[in-house]
Amino acid sequence: MPRKPDALLEGRILNAAYRIWSERGEEALTMRAVARAARTTTPTLYERFSDKSDLLTLLRRRARLNLFSAIRPSRSASEACRRALDFFTAHPNDYRLIPEDWAIAFARKEHMPSFEFIKRQLARQLGGASERHTRLAFSLVALLHGTAALLHSSDVHKKISRDFRHACISACQSLIHAASSHPARTKRSSPPRR
């Protein structure tokens, strides 16, 4: 008789993998370490996850949901940008998970809760349908991820870190303000073709 799936065990495995990733990064995330932290055996772990990349896929989804939880209380797109940058700064290992397959997930039309939330905030603030603001949302995401990458580079001095953060948020606010001044520029739903 086949074994019944154990949802509690799978949750324990994902929680253990997430904890290892969050505290020590990818190098520490081995199947053996996850099995030990989840209080199971390595063969049992392999019965549920074929390899580390399966675990990372689920960890990326969790990181995206954590980001969404962090920005959801925002009342504007600018505030969502600030909260996203705060999240990336406070959770560097989550940040490393999020952009790794973002373009692939976007191309597959996977659910991207934070991106959709920012588009809805832009629509609420600037008018029109949220799809109308895809290009502007791409610009904001590019600024946020670029700044987060700079903030996570080694030996970033605290003063320059503050300057990067301030410049990023100012640039996000400027883009949103420019879009409110020129609503026709936000109509295109995808990046320009070259």
N, C-alpha and C. Protein backbone atom coordinates (compact mmCIF):
# COMPACT_ATOMS: atom_id res chain seq x y z
N MET A 1 0.85 -1.18 0.00
CA MET A 1 0.00 0.00 0.00
C MET A 1 0.90 1.24 0.00
N PRO A 2 0.67 2.21 -0.94
CA PRO A 2 1.54 3.39 -1.00
C PRO A 2 1.35 4.28 0.22
N ARG A 3 2.43 4.98 0.53
CA ARG A 3 2.38 5.90 1.65
C ARG A 3 1.49 7.08 1.33
N LYS A 4 0.79 7.58 2.36
CA LYS A 4 -0.01 8.78 2.19
C LYS A 4 0.90 9.99 2.33
N PRO A 5 0.64 11.02 1.53
CA PRO A 5 1.47 12.22 1.68
C PRO A 5 1.32 12.80 3.09
N ASP A 6 2.40 13.22 3.61
CA ASP A 6 2.41 13.81 4.96
C ASP A 6 2.62 15.31 4.80
N ALA A 7 1.53 16.06 4.80
CA ALA A 7 1.60 17.51 4.61
C ALA A 7 2.40 18.18 5.72
N LEU A 8 2.28 17.66 6.93
CA LEU A 8 3.03 18.25 8.04
C LEU A 8 4.53 18.08 7.83
N LEU A 9 4.93 16.90 7.35
CA LEU A 9 6.35 16.67 7.09
C LEU A 9 6.84 17.60 5.98
N GLU A 10 6.08 17.73 4.93
CA GLU A 10 6.49 18.62 3.83
C GLU A 10 6.60 20.06 4.31
N GLY A 11 5.68 20.49 5.15
CA GLY A 11 5.76 21.83 5.73
C GLY A 11 7.00 21.99 6.60
N ARG A 12 7.28 20.96 7.38
CA ARG A 12 8.49 20.97 8.23
C ARG A 12 9.75 21.06 7.38
N ILE A 13 9.76 20.32 6.27
CA ILE A 13 10.92 20.34 5.37
C ILE A 13 11.11 21.74 4.79
N LEU A 14 10.02 22.32 4.30
CA LEU A 14 10.13 23.67 3.71
C LEU A 14 10.52 24.70 4.75
N ASN A 15 9.96 24.59 5.95
CA ASN A 15 10.34 25.53 7.02
C ASN A 15 11.82 25.38 7.36
N ALA A 16 12.29 24.15 7.43
CA ALA A 16 13.70 23.91 7.74
C ALA A 16 14.59 24.46 6.63
N ALA A 17 14.21 24.20 5.37
CA ALA A 17 15.00 24.71 4.24
C ALA A 17 15.02 26.22 4.24
N TYR A 18 13.87 26.83 4.52
CA TYR A 18 13.80 28.30 4.54
C TYR A 18 14.66 28.87 5.65
N ARG A 19 14.60 28.25 6.80
CA ARG A 19 15.40 28.72 7.94
C ARG A 19 16.90 28.63 7.62
N ILE A 20 17.32 27.51 7.04
CA ILE A 20 18.73 27.34 6.67
C ILE A 20 19.12 28.40 5.65
N TRP A 21 18.30 28.57 4.61
CA TRP A 21 18.59 29.56 3.57
C TRP A 21 18.67 30.96 4.18
N SER A 22 17.69 31.33 5.00
CA SER A 22 17.62 32.68 5.57
C SER A 22 18.80 32.99 6.48
N GLU A 23 19.21 31.99 7.26
CA GLU A 23 20.27 32.22 8.24
C GLU A 23 21.67 32.07 7.67
N ARG A 24 21.84 31.13 6.72
CA ARG A 24 23.21 30.82 6.29
C ARG A 24 23.43 30.85 4.79
N GLY A 25 22.37 31.00 4.00
CA GLY A 25 22.54 31.12 2.56
C GLY A 25 22.60 29.79 1.83
N GLU A 26 22.83 29.90 0.53
CA GLU A 26 22.73 28.74 -0.36
C GLU A 26 23.77 27.66 -0.06
N GLU A 27 24.97 28.05 0.31
CA GLU A 27 26.02 27.06 0.54
C GLU A 27 25.62 26.07 1.63
N ALA A 28 24.88 26.56 2.62
CA ALA A 28 24.48 25.70 3.73
C ALA A 28 23.26 24.85 3.41
N LEU A 29 22.58 25.17 2.33
CA LEU A 29 21.35 24.46 1.98
C LEU A 29 21.69 23.17 1.22
N THR A 30 21.90 22.12 1.97
CA THR A 30 22.13 20.80 1.37
C THR A 30 20.96 19.91 1.75
N MET A 31 20.74 18.88 0.96
CA MET A 31 19.63 17.97 1.25
C MET A 31 19.83 17.32 2.62
N ARG A 32 21.04 16.97 2.95
CA ARG A 32 21.33 16.35 4.25
C ARG A 32 21.03 17.32 5.40
N ALA A 33 21.45 18.60 5.23
CA ALA A 33 21.20 19.59 6.29
C ALA A 33 19.70 19.84 6.46
N VAL A 34 18.98 19.88 5.36
CA VAL A 34 17.53 20.10 5.43
C VAL A 34 16.86 18.91 6.11
N ALA A 35 17.24 17.70 5.73
CA ALA A 35 16.65 16.51 6.36
C ALA A 35 16.90 16.52 7.86
N ARG A 36 18.12 16.83 8.26
CA ARG A 36 18.47 16.87 9.69
C ARG A 36 17.64 17.93 10.41
N ALA A 37 17.55 19.13 9.82
CA ALA A 37 16.80 20.23 10.45
C ALA A 37 15.30 19.93 10.51
N ALA A 38 14.80 19.15 9.55
CA ALA A 38 13.37 18.80 9.52
C ALA A 38 13.07 17.54 10.34
N ARG A 39 14.08 16.99 10.96
CA ARG A 39 13.95 15.77 11.76
C ARG A 39 13.37 14.61 10.93
N THR A 40 14.00 14.43 9.77
CA THR A 40 13.64 13.30 8.92
C THR A 40 14.92 12.74 8.33
N THR A 41 14.78 11.80 7.42
CA THR A 41 15.97 11.20 6.81
C THR A 41 16.17 11.78 5.41
N THR A 42 17.38 11.69 4.93
CA THR A 42 17.68 12.16 3.57
C THR A 42 16.89 11.38 2.53
N PRO A 43 16.77 10.04 2.61
CA PRO A 43 15.95 9.33 1.63
C PRO A 43 14.48 9.80 1.64
N THR A 44 13.93 10.08 2.82
CA THR A 44 12.55 10.57 2.91
C THR A 44 12.43 11.94 2.23
N LEU A 45 13.43 12.76 2.40
CA LEU A 45 13.44 14.08 1.75
C LEU A 45 13.44 13.90 0.23
N TYR A 46 14.26 12.98 -0.26
CA TYR A 46 14.33 12.75 -1.70
C TYR A 46 13.04 12.13 -2.26
N GLU A 47 12.25 11.49 -1.42
CA GLU A 47 10.96 10.98 -1.88
C GLU A 47 10.01 12.13 -2.23
N ARG A 48 10.21 13.25 -1.58
CA ARG A 48 9.30 14.39 -1.78
C ARG A 48 9.87 15.48 -2.69
N PHE A 49 11.18 15.60 -2.70
CA PHE A 49 11.85 16.62 -3.51
C PHE A 49 13.01 15.94 -4.24
N SER A 50 13.00 16.01 -5.55
CA SER A 50 14.00 15.26 -6.31
C SER A 50 15.41 15.81 -6.13
N ASP A 51 15.51 17.12 -5.90
CA ASP A 51 16.83 17.71 -5.69
C ASP A 51 16.69 19.10 -5.07
N LYS A 52 17.82 19.72 -4.88
CA LYS A 52 17.86 21.05 -4.26
C LYS A 52 17.09 22.08 -5.07
N SER A 53 17.09 21.95 -6.39
CA SER A 53 16.38 22.95 -7.21
C SER A 53 14.88 22.91 -6.96
N ASP A 54 14.32 21.73 -6.65
CA ASP A 54 12.90 21.65 -6.28
C ASP A 54 12.63 22.45 -5.01
N LEU A 55 13.51 22.31 -4.05
CA LEU A 55 13.37 23.08 -2.81
C LEU A 55 13.49 24.58 -3.09
N LEU A 56 14.46 24.95 -3.92
CA LEU A 56 14.66 26.37 -4.21
C LEU A 56 13.46 26.98 -4.92
N THR A 57 12.80 26.23 -5.77
CA THR A 57 11.60 26.74 -6.44
C THR A 57 10.54 27.13 -5.41
N LEU A 58 10.33 26.26 -4.44
CA LEU A 58 9.34 26.55 -3.40
C LEU A 58 9.80 27.66 -2.47
N LEU A 59 11.09 27.73 -2.22
CA LEU A 59 11.61 28.81 -1.39
C LEU A 59 11.46 30.16 -2.09
N ARG A 60 11.63 30.18 -3.42
CA ARG A 60 11.43 31.42 -4.17
C ARG A 60 9.97 31.89 -4.05
N ARG A 61 9.06 30.96 -4.16
CA ARG A 61 7.64 31.33 -4.00
C ARG A 61 7.39 31.90 -2.62
N ARG A 62 7.98 31.27 -1.61
CA ARG A 62 7.80 31.77 -0.24
C ARG A 62 8.40 33.16 -0.09
N ALA A 63 9.57 33.37 -0.66
CA ALA A 63 10.21 34.69 -0.58
C ALA A 63 9.33 35.75 -1.26
N ARG A 64 8.75 35.41 -2.42
CA ARG A 64 7.85 36.35 -3.10
C ARG A 64 6.64 36.69 -2.23
N LEU A 65 6.10 35.67 -1.58
CA LEU A 65 4.95 35.91 -0.70
C LEU A 65 5.34 36.74 0.51
N ASN A 66 6.55 36.52 1.04
CA ASN A 66 7.03 37.34 2.16
C ASN A 66 7.18 38.80 1.74
N LEU A 67 7.71 39.01 0.53
CA LEU A 67 7.82 40.37 0.01
C LEU A 67 6.43 40.99 -0.11
N PHE A 68 5.50 40.25 -0.66
CA PHE A 68 4.14 40.76 -0.81
C PHE A 68 3.55 41.12 0.55
N SER A 69 3.75 40.28 1.56
CA SER A 69 3.26 40.58 2.91
C SER A 69 3.87 41.88 3.44
N ALA A 70 5.12 42.12 3.08
CA ALA A 70 5.80 43.33 3.55
C ALA A 70 5.26 44.59 2.89
N ILE A 71 4.87 44.50 1.62
CA ILE A 71 4.42 45.72 0.92
C ILE A 71 2.91 45.90 0.95
N ARG A 72 2.16 44.87 1.27
CA ARG A 72 0.70 44.92 1.22
C ARG A 72 0.08 46.06 2.04
N PRO A 73 0.63 46.46 3.19
CA PRO A 73 0.01 47.57 3.93
C PRO A 73 0.19 48.95 3.26
N SER A 74 0.94 49.01 2.18
CA SER A 74 1.25 50.29 1.53
C SER A 74 -0.02 50.93 0.98
N ARG A 75 -0.07 52.26 1.09
CA ARG A 75 -1.22 53.01 0.58
C ARG A 75 -0.92 53.69 -0.75
N SER A 76 0.32 53.56 -1.21
CA SER A 76 0.69 54.15 -2.50
C SER A 76 1.81 53.31 -3.12
N ALA A 77 2.03 53.54 -4.39
CA ALA A 77 3.12 52.82 -5.07
C ALA A 77 4.46 53.24 -4.49
N SER A 78 4.62 54.51 -4.15
CA SER A 78 5.88 54.98 -3.56
C SER A 78 6.15 54.29 -2.23
N GLU A 79 5.12 54.16 -1.42
CA GLU A 79 5.30 53.48 -0.14
C GLU A 79 5.62 52.01 -0.36
N ALA A 80 5.00 51.38 -1.36
CA ALA A 80 5.30 49.98 -1.67
C ALA A 80 6.77 49.84 -2.07
N CYS A 81 7.29 50.80 -2.83
CA CYS A 81 8.70 50.77 -3.23
C CYS A 81 9.60 50.88 -2.01
N ARG A 82 9.26 51.79 -1.10
CA ARG A 82 10.07 51.95 0.11
C ARG A 82 10.04 50.68 0.95
N ARG A 83 8.85 50.11 1.10
CA ARG A 83 8.74 48.88 1.90
C ARG A 83 9.48 47.71 1.23
N ALA A 84 9.44 47.64 -0.09
CA ALA A 84 10.17 46.59 -0.79
C ALA A 84 11.67 46.73 -0.54
N LEU A 85 12.17 47.95 -0.63
CA LEU A 85 13.60 48.16 -0.39
C LEU A 85 13.95 47.84 1.06
N ASP A 86 13.08 48.20 2.01
CA ASP A 86 13.30 47.84 3.41
C ASP A 86 13.36 46.32 3.57
N PHE A 87 12.45 45.62 2.89
CA PHE A 87 12.42 44.16 2.96
C PHE A 87 13.71 43.57 2.39
N PHE A 88 14.14 44.06 1.23
CA PHE A 88 15.36 43.55 0.61
C PHE A 88 16.57 43.77 1.50
N THR A 89 16.59 44.91 2.19
CA THR A 89 17.71 45.22 3.08
C THR A 89 17.69 44.31 4.31
N ALA A 90 16.52 44.11 4.88
CA ALA A 90 16.40 43.31 6.10
C ALA A 90 16.52 41.81 5.85
N HIS A 91 16.23 41.37 4.62
CA HIS A 91 16.22 39.94 4.30
C HIS A 91 17.07 39.67 3.07
N PRO A 92 18.39 39.78 3.20
CA PRO A 92 19.26 39.64 2.03
C PRO A 92 19.15 38.28 1.34
N ASN A 93 18.92 37.22 2.09
CA ASN A 93 18.83 35.91 1.45
C ASN A 93 17.50 35.73 0.72
N ASP A 94 16.43 36.33 1.23
CA ASP A 94 15.17 36.35 0.48
C ASP A 94 15.36 37.13 -0.81
N TYR A 95 16.05 38.26 -0.69
CA TYR A 95 16.29 39.06 -1.90
C TYR A 95 17.02 38.23 -2.97
N ARG A 96 18.00 37.44 -2.56
CA ARG A 96 18.75 36.63 -3.52
C ARG A 96 17.87 35.59 -4.21
N LEU A 97 16.82 35.15 -3.55
CA LEU A 97 15.90 34.19 -4.16
C LEU A 97 14.98 34.86 -5.19
N ILE A 98 14.51 36.04 -4.89
CA ILE A 98 13.45 36.66 -5.69
C ILE A 98 13.86 36.96 -7.13
N PRO A 99 14.97 37.65 -7.38
CA PRO A 99 15.24 38.00 -8.79
C PRO A 99 15.80 36.87 -9.63
N GLU A 100 16.22 35.77 -8.99
CA GLU A 100 16.90 34.72 -9.73
C GLU A 100 16.09 34.17 -10.89
N ASP A 101 14.81 33.95 -10.69
CA ASP A 101 13.99 33.42 -11.78
C ASP A 101 12.82 34.34 -12.10
N TRP A 102 12.93 35.60 -11.71
CA TRP A 102 11.81 36.53 -11.87
C TRP A 102 11.41 36.65 -13.33
N ALA A 103 12.35 36.83 -14.23
CA ALA A 103 12.03 37.00 -15.65
C ALA A 103 11.36 35.74 -16.21
N ILE A 104 11.84 34.58 -15.79
CA ILE A 104 11.25 33.32 -16.25
C ILE A 104 9.82 33.19 -15.73
N ALA A 105 9.64 33.48 -14.45
CA ALA A 105 8.30 33.41 -13.86
C ALA A 105 7.36 34.40 -14.53
N PHE A 106 7.87 35.58 -14.81
CA PHE A 106 7.04 36.59 -15.48
C PHE A 106 6.67 36.12 -16.89
N ALA A 107 7.62 35.58 -17.62
CA ALA A 107 7.35 35.10 -18.98
C ALA A 107 6.34 33.95 -18.98
N ARG A 108 6.37 33.14 -17.94
CA ARG A 108 5.41 32.03 -17.83
C ARG A 108 4.05 32.49 -17.31
N LYS A 109 3.95 33.78 -17.03
CA LYS A 109 2.72 34.37 -16.49
C LYS A 109 2.33 33.76 -15.14
N GLU A 110 3.37 33.43 -14.35
CA GLU A 110 3.11 32.97 -12.99
C GLU A 110 2.59 34.13 -12.17
N HIS A 111 1.91 33.81 -11.10
CA HIS A 111 1.37 34.84 -10.23
C HIS A 111 2.53 35.60 -9.57
N MET A 112 2.57 36.90 -9.78
CA MET A 112 3.62 37.76 -9.21
C MET A 112 2.92 38.78 -8.30
N PRO A 113 2.62 38.40 -7.05
CA PRO A 113 1.75 39.23 -6.22
C PRO A 113 2.26 40.66 -5.98
N SER A 114 3.55 40.83 -5.77
CA SER A 114 4.07 42.17 -5.49
C SER A 114 4.00 43.05 -6.73
N PHE A 115 4.34 42.49 -7.88
CA PHE A 115 4.30 43.24 -9.13
C PHE A 115 2.86 43.65 -9.44
N GLU A 116 1.92 42.74 -9.28
CA GLU A 116 0.51 43.06 -9.52
C GLU A 116 0.01 44.10 -8.53
N PHE A 117 0.47 44.01 -7.29
CA PHE A 117 0.07 44.98 -6.27
C PHE A 117 0.56 46.38 -6.65
N ILE A 118 1.80 46.49 -7.09
CA ILE A 118 2.33 47.80 -7.49
C ILE A 118 1.53 48.35 -8.67
N LYS A 119 1.20 47.51 -9.63
CA LYS A 119 0.39 47.97 -10.76
C LYS A 119 -0.98 48.46 -10.29
N ARG A 120 -1.58 47.75 -9.34
CA ARG A 120 -2.89 48.19 -8.82
C ARG A 120 -2.77 49.52 -8.09
N GLN A 121 -1.68 49.68 -7.33
CA GLN A 121 -1.48 50.96 -6.63
C GLN A 121 -1.28 52.10 -7.63
N LEU A 122 -0.54 51.82 -8.70
CA LEU A 122 -0.35 52.84 -9.74
C LEU A 122 -1.68 53.19 -10.39
N ALA A 123 -2.51 52.19 -10.66
CA ALA A 123 -3.82 52.44 -11.27
C ALA A 123 -4.70 53.27 -10.33
N ARG A 124 -4.65 52.95 -9.06
CA ARG A 124 -5.44 53.71 -8.09
C ARG A 124 -4.97 55.16 -8.03
N GLN A 125 -3.67 55.33 -8.09
CA GLN A 125 -3.07 56.66 -7.96
C GLN A 125 -3.16 57.47 -9.26
N LEU A 126 -2.95 56.79 -10.41
CA LEU A 126 -2.84 57.51 -11.68
C LEU A 126 -4.08 57.35 -12.56
N GLY A 127 -4.95 56.41 -12.22
CA GLY A 127 -6.14 56.16 -13.03
C GLY A 127 -5.88 55.09 -14.08
N GLY A 128 -6.95 54.61 -14.65
CA GLY A 128 -6.84 53.59 -15.69
C GLY A 128 -6.71 52.20 -15.10
N ALA A 129 -6.66 51.22 -15.99
CA ALA A 129 -6.52 49.82 -15.59
C ALA A 129 -5.08 49.54 -15.16
N SER A 130 -4.93 48.55 -14.30
CA SER A 130 -3.58 48.24 -13.80
C SER A 130 -2.65 47.81 -14.93
N GLU A 131 -3.16 47.11 -15.94
CA GLU A 131 -2.32 46.67 -17.07
C GLU A 131 -1.72 47.84 -17.81
N ARG A 132 -2.36 48.96 -17.74
CA ARG A 132 -1.87 50.16 -18.40
C ARG A 132 -0.53 50.62 -17.80
N HIS A 133 -0.24 50.19 -16.60
CA HIS A 133 0.94 50.67 -15.87
C HIS A 133 2.06 49.64 -15.78
N THR A 134 2.01 48.63 -16.63
CA THR A 134 3.03 47.58 -16.61
C THR A 134 4.42 48.15 -16.85
N ARG A 135 4.55 49.00 -17.83
CA ARG A 135 5.88 49.56 -18.15
C ARG A 135 6.46 50.36 -16.99
N LEU A 136 5.63 51.17 -16.36
CA LEU A 136 6.09 51.93 -15.21
C LEU A 136 6.47 50.99 -14.06
N ALA A 137 5.67 49.96 -13.85
CA ALA A 137 5.98 48.98 -12.79
C ALA A 137 7.31 48.28 -13.08
N PHE A 138 7.58 47.95 -14.36
CA PHE A 138 8.88 47.38 -14.72
C PHE A 138 10.02 48.33 -14.33
N SER A 139 9.83 49.61 -14.60
CA SER A 139 10.86 50.60 -14.27
C SER A 139 11.11 50.65 -12.78
N LEU A 140 10.04 50.62 -12.00
CA LEU A 140 10.19 50.65 -10.54
C LEU A 140 10.90 49.40 -10.04
N VAL A 141 10.52 48.24 -10.58
CA VAL A 141 11.16 46.98 -10.18
C VAL A 141 12.65 47.02 -10.52
N ALA A 142 12.99 47.54 -11.70
CA ALA A 142 14.40 47.62 -12.09
C ALA A 142 15.19 48.50 -11.12
N LEU A 143 14.62 49.63 -10.74
CA LEU A 143 15.30 50.51 -9.77
C LEU A 143 15.48 49.81 -8.42
N LEU A 144 14.43 49.16 -7.96
CA LEU A 144 14.49 48.50 -6.65
C LEU A 144 15.50 47.37 -6.63
N HIS A 145 15.47 46.54 -7.67
CA HIS A 145 16.39 45.41 -7.69
C HIS A 145 17.83 45.86 -7.91
N GLY A 146 18.03 46.86 -8.74
CA GLY A 146 19.38 47.39 -8.93
C GLY A 146 19.94 47.96 -7.65
N THR A 147 19.12 48.71 -6.94
CA THR A 147 19.57 49.29 -5.66
C THR A 147 19.82 48.20 -4.63
N ALA A 148 18.93 47.21 -4.57
CA ALA A 148 19.13 46.12 -3.61
C ALA A 148 20.44 45.39 -3.90
N ALA A 149 20.74 45.19 -5.18
CA ALA A 149 22.01 44.52 -5.54
C ALA A 149 23.19 45.35 -5.06
N LEU A 150 23.12 46.66 -5.21
CA LEU A 150 24.21 47.53 -4.73
C LEU A 150 24.31 47.47 -3.20
N LEU A 151 23.17 47.47 -2.53
CA LEU A 151 23.18 47.45 -1.07
C LEU A 151 23.74 46.14 -0.53
N HIS A 152 23.60 45.06 -1.30
CA HIS A 152 24.09 43.76 -0.84
C HIS A 152 25.50 43.45 -1.31
N SER A 153 26.09 44.35 -2.09
CA SER A 153 27.47 44.11 -2.49
C SER A 153 28.36 44.27 -1.27
N SER A 154 29.50 43.65 -1.30
CA SER A 154 30.35 43.64 -0.11
C SER A 154 30.92 45.03 0.16
N ASP A 155 31.16 45.29 1.42
CA ASP A 155 31.81 46.51 1.89
C ASP A 155 31.07 47.80 1.53
N VAL A 156 29.75 47.78 1.57
CA VAL A 156 28.98 49.01 1.34
C VAL A 156 28.97 49.78 2.66
N HIS A 157 29.50 50.98 2.62
CA HIS A 157 29.54 51.83 3.80
C HIS A 157 28.13 52.30 4.15
N LYS A 158 27.83 52.48 5.43
CA LYS A 158 26.48 52.87 5.85
C LYS A 158 26.02 54.17 5.23
N LYS A 159 26.91 55.15 5.09
CA LYS A 159 26.50 56.43 4.52
C LYS A 159 26.11 56.27 3.05
N ILE A 160 26.91 55.55 2.28
CA ILE A 160 26.59 55.37 0.87
C ILE A 160 25.34 54.50 0.74
N SER A 161 25.14 53.59 1.68
CA SER A 161 23.94 52.77 1.69
C SER A 161 22.70 53.66 1.84
N ARG A 162 22.76 54.61 2.78
CA ARG A 162 21.65 55.55 2.95
C ARG A 162 21.44 56.38 1.69
N ASP A 163 22.55 56.81 1.07
CA ASP A 163 22.45 57.60 -0.16
C ASP A 163 21.81 56.80 -1.29
N PHE A 164 22.20 55.52 -1.43
CA PHE A 164 21.59 54.66 -2.45
C PHE A 164 20.08 54.54 -2.21
N ARG A 165 19.71 54.27 -0.96
CA ARG A 165 18.28 54.11 -0.62
C ARG A 165 17.51 55.38 -0.95
N HIS A 166 18.04 56.51 -0.52
CA HIS A 166 17.36 57.78 -0.76
C HIS A 166 17.24 58.05 -2.26
N ALA A 167 18.30 57.81 -3.01
CA ALA A 167 18.27 58.04 -4.45
C ALA A 167 17.25 57.14 -5.13
N CYS A 168 17.17 55.89 -4.71
CA CYS A 168 16.22 54.95 -5.29
C CYS A 168 14.77 55.39 -5.05
N ILE A 169 14.47 55.72 -3.81
CA ILE A 169 13.10 56.13 -3.48
C ILE A 169 12.75 57.43 -4.19
N SER A 170 13.69 58.36 -4.25
CA SER A 170 13.45 59.62 -4.98
C SER A 170 13.20 59.36 -6.45
N ALA A 171 13.97 58.45 -7.04
CA ALA A 171 13.79 58.11 -8.46
C ALA A 171 12.42 57.46 -8.68
N CYS A 172 12.01 56.57 -7.78
CA CYS A 172 10.69 55.94 -7.90
C CYS A 172 9.59 57.01 -7.84
N GLN A 173 9.71 57.92 -6.87
CA GLN A 173 8.71 58.98 -6.74
C GLN A 173 8.69 59.88 -7.98
N SER A 174 9.87 60.16 -8.53
CA SER A 174 9.95 60.99 -9.73
C SER A 174 9.29 60.31 -10.93
N LEU A 175 9.52 59.02 -11.09
CA LEU A 175 8.89 58.28 -12.19
C LEU A 175 7.37 58.29 -12.05
N ILE A 176 6.89 58.08 -10.84
CA ILE A 176 5.45 58.08 -10.62
C ILE A 176 4.87 59.47 -10.86
N HIS A 177 5.56 60.49 -10.38
CA HIS A 177 5.10 61.86 -10.60
C HIS A 177 5.09 62.20 -12.09
N ALA A 178 6.13 61.79 -12.81
CA ALA A 178 6.19 62.05 -14.25
C ALA A 178 5.04 61.35 -14.97
N ALA A 179 4.70 60.15 -14.52
CA ALA A 179 3.59 59.43 -15.14
C ALA A 179 2.27 60.13 -14.89
N SER A 180 2.15 60.76 -13.72
CA SER A 180 0.89 61.47 -13.43
C SER A 180 0.79 62.75 -14.26
N SER A 181 1.94 63.31 -14.64
CA SER A 181 1.96 64.51 -15.47
C SER A 181 1.74 64.19 -16.94
N HIS A 182 2.13 62.98 -17.35
CA HIS A 182 2.03 62.56 -18.76
C HIS A 182 1.38 61.18 -18.83
N PRO A 183 0.08 61.07 -18.56
CA PRO A 183 -0.56 59.76 -18.51
C PRO A 183 -0.46 58.97 -19.81
N ALA A 184 -0.32 59.61 -20.94
CA ALA A 184 -0.24 58.87 -22.21
C ALA A 184 1.01 58.01 -22.27
N ARG A 185 2.05 58.37 -21.54
CA ARG A 185 3.30 57.60 -21.57
C ARG A 185 3.20 56.27 -20.86
N THR A 186 2.21 56.10 -20.00
CA THR A 186 2.09 54.84 -19.25
C THR A 186 1.18 53.85 -19.95
N LYS A 187 0.62 54.20 -21.10
CA LYS A 187 -0.35 53.32 -21.75
C LYS A 187 0.24 52.03 -22.27
N ARG A 188 1.45 52.06 -22.75
CA ARG A 188 2.06 50.86 -23.33
C ARG A 188 2.19 49.80 -22.24
N SER A 189 1.72 48.59 -22.54
CA SER A 189 1.70 47.56 -21.50
C SER A 189 2.95 46.69 -21.47
N SER A 190 3.82 46.83 -22.43
CA SER A 190 5.04 46.03 -22.41
C SER A 190 6.22 46.91 -22.80
N PRO A 191 7.43 46.48 -22.45
CA PRO A 191 8.60 47.28 -22.77
C PRO A 191 8.73 47.46 -24.28
N PRO A 192 9.36 48.58 -24.69
CA PRO A 192 9.49 48.82 -26.13
C PRO A 192 10.34 47.74 -26.78
N ARG A 193 10.04 47.42 -28.05
CA ARG A 193 10.83 46.44 -28.80
C ARG A 193 12.00 47.13 -29.45
N ARG A 194 13.06 46.41 -29.57
CA ARG A 194 14.26 46.97 -30.21
C ARG A 194 14.56 46.20 -31.46
